[in-house]
């Protein structure tokens, strides 16, 4: 059976791109690049938590309405069910590594609360 979102290894959404680096039963690792002036959906996941480490650029992570400025070499934890997004307010690409942990890692475990690209 093919579960929607389960087999995706890379994508080019309007805000940039992501690529799966590792997809293991207990965790998934992605490289995510956000273009200058763009941001991810403000969203929640019900079956996983995430850890983000910035490897290029700088941005603003919003978690449950609180903004956190983050730059290269810094990391932040996203609790399961927390509303969150990354925004690139800089002039260069923002790249971060996302480590997902939980019981399910499919792209269909996303509840979009706000989206700049009409995907709510």
Protein backbone atom coordinates (compact mmCIF):
# COMPACT_ATOMS: atom_id res chain seq x y z
CA UNK A 1 0.00 0.00 0.00
CA UNK A 2 1.34 3.45 -0.92
CA UNK A 3 0.82 6.00 1.84
CA UNK A 4 0.62 9.61 0.55
CA UNK A 5 3.82 11.49 1.30
CA UNK A 6 5.64 8.39 2.51
CA UNK A 7 7.88 7.88 -0.56
CA UNK A 8 8.81 11.51 -1.28
CA UNK A 9 12.60 12.06 -1.19
CA UNK A 10 12.80 15.67 -2.39
CA UNK A 11 10.57 18.58 -3.34
CA UNK A 12 10.73 22.16 -4.57
CA UNK A 13 7.90 24.01 -2.80
CA UNK A 14 7.47 27.75 -3.52
CA UNK A 15 9.70 28.74 -0.59
CA UNK A 16 12.78 26.67 -1.58
CA UNK A 17 13.60 22.96 -1.46
CA UNK A 18 13.98 19.95 0.80
CA UNK A 19 15.74 16.62 0.44
CA UNK A 20 15.62 13.49 2.61
CA UNK A 21 19.17 12.52 3.64
CA UNK A 22 18.25 9.52 5.83
CA UNK A 23 14.95 7.70 6.27
CA UNK A 24 15.15 5.18 9.10
CA UNK A 25 12.35 3.51 11.11
CA UNK A 26 13.11 5.61 14.24
CA UNK A 27 14.06 8.94 12.59
CA UNK A 28 14.26 10.94 9.36
CA UNK A 29 16.86 13.57 8.43
CA UNK A 30 16.23 16.32 5.85
CA UNK A 31 18.21 19.21 4.41
CA UNK A 32 15.87 22.19 3.98
CA UNK A 33 16.73 25.39 2.11
CA UNK A 34 14.56 28.50 2.42
CA UNK A 35 15.03 31.23 -0.19
CA UNK A 36 15.59 34.88 0.87
CA UNK A 37 12.32 36.57 1.90
CA UNK A 38 10.38 33.26 2.03
CA UNK A 39 9.01 31.20 4.88
CA UNK A 40 7.53 27.78 5.55
CA UNK A 41 3.89 27.23 6.46
CA UNK A 42 2.93 27.85 10.08
CA UNK A 43 2.12 24.23 10.88
CA UNK A 44 1.84 21.39 13.39
CA UNK A 45 2.76 17.71 13.36
CA UNK A 46 0.84 15.25 15.51
CA UNK A 47 3.09 12.22 15.24
CA UNK A 48 6.62 13.64 15.41
CA UNK A 49 8.90 16.22 16.99
CA UNK A 50 11.77 17.97 15.20
CA UNK A 51 15.25 19.34 15.88
CA UNK A 52 16.54 22.04 13.50
CA UNK A 53 20.20 23.08 13.11
CA UNK A 54 21.10 25.97 10.84
CA UNK A 55 24.12 25.26 8.63
CA UNK A 56 23.92 28.34 6.33
CA UNK A 57 22.34 31.76 6.74
CA UNK A 58 20.05 33.04 9.47
CA UNK A 59 16.34 33.26 10.11
CA UNK A 60 13.47 33.44 12.55
CA UNK A 61 11.81 30.33 13.99
CA UNK A 62 8.30 30.87 15.36
CA UNK A 63 7.12 28.30 17.92
CA UNK A 64 3.60 28.71 19.35
CA UNK A 65 3.66 32.44 18.53
CA UNK A 66 7.12 33.19 19.98
CA UNK A 67 9.89 34.32 17.59
CA UNK A 68 13.41 32.95 18.03
CA UNK A 69 16.28 34.40 15.97
CA UNK A 70 18.65 31.68 14.80
CA UNK A 71 21.82 31.63 12.71
CA UNK A 72 24.52 29.30 11.41
CA UNK A 73 25.68 26.89 14.09
CA UNK A 74 22.59 27.26 16.28
CA UNK A 75 19.78 24.78 16.80
CA UNK A 76 16.26 24.63 18.21
CA UNK A 77 13.80 21.91 19.23
CA UNK A 78 10.23 21.81 17.91
CA UNK A 79 7.97 19.86 20.30
CA UNK A 80 5.33 17.52 18.93
CA UNK A 81 2.06 19.41 18.25
CA UNK A 82 3.72 22.84 18.58
CA UNK A 83 2.79 25.37 15.88
CA UNK A 84 6.03 26.30 14.10
CA UNK A 85 7.67 27.83 11.02
CA UNK A 86 11.04 29.00 9.74
CA UNK A 87 11.37 32.35 7.95
CA UNK A 88 14.36 33.60 5.99
CA UNK A 89 14.52 37.36 6.48
CA UNK A 90 18.07 37.58 5.12
CA UNK A 91 19.59 38.14 1.69
CA UNK A 92 21.10 34.66 1.25
CA UNK A 93 19.73 31.12 1.31
CA UNK A 94 18.97 29.67 4.74
CA UNK A 95 19.76 25.96 5.03
CA UNK A 96 19.02 23.82 8.06
CA UNK A 97 19.13 20.15 8.93
CA UNK A 98 15.90 18.75 10.33
CA UNK A 99 15.90 15.60 12.45
CA UNK A 100 12.44 14.11 12.92
CA UNK A 101 11.67 11.66 15.73
CA UNK A 102 8.37 10.03 16.55
CA UNK A 103 6.08 7.31 15.26
CA UNK A 104 5.45 8.56 11.69
CA UNK A 105 7.33 10.81 9.26
CA UNK A 106 5.04 11.14 6.23
CA UNK A 107 4.46 14.51 4.59
CA UNK A 108 0.73 14.05 5.23
CA UNK A 109 1.28 14.62 9.00
CA UNK A 110 1.05 18.38 8.49
CA UNK A 111 -1.73 20.65 9.68
CA UNK A 112 -1.13 24.03 8.02
CA UNK A 113 -2.44 26.90 10.14
CA UNK A 114 -1.17 29.69 7.83
CA UNK A 115 0.48 29.55 4.42
CA UNK A 116 1.76 32.23 2.03
CA UNK A 117 1.08 29.98 -0.97
CA UNK A 118 -2.60 29.02 -0.54
CA UNK A 119 -1.99 25.49 0.80
CA UNK A 120 -4.06 25.78 4.01
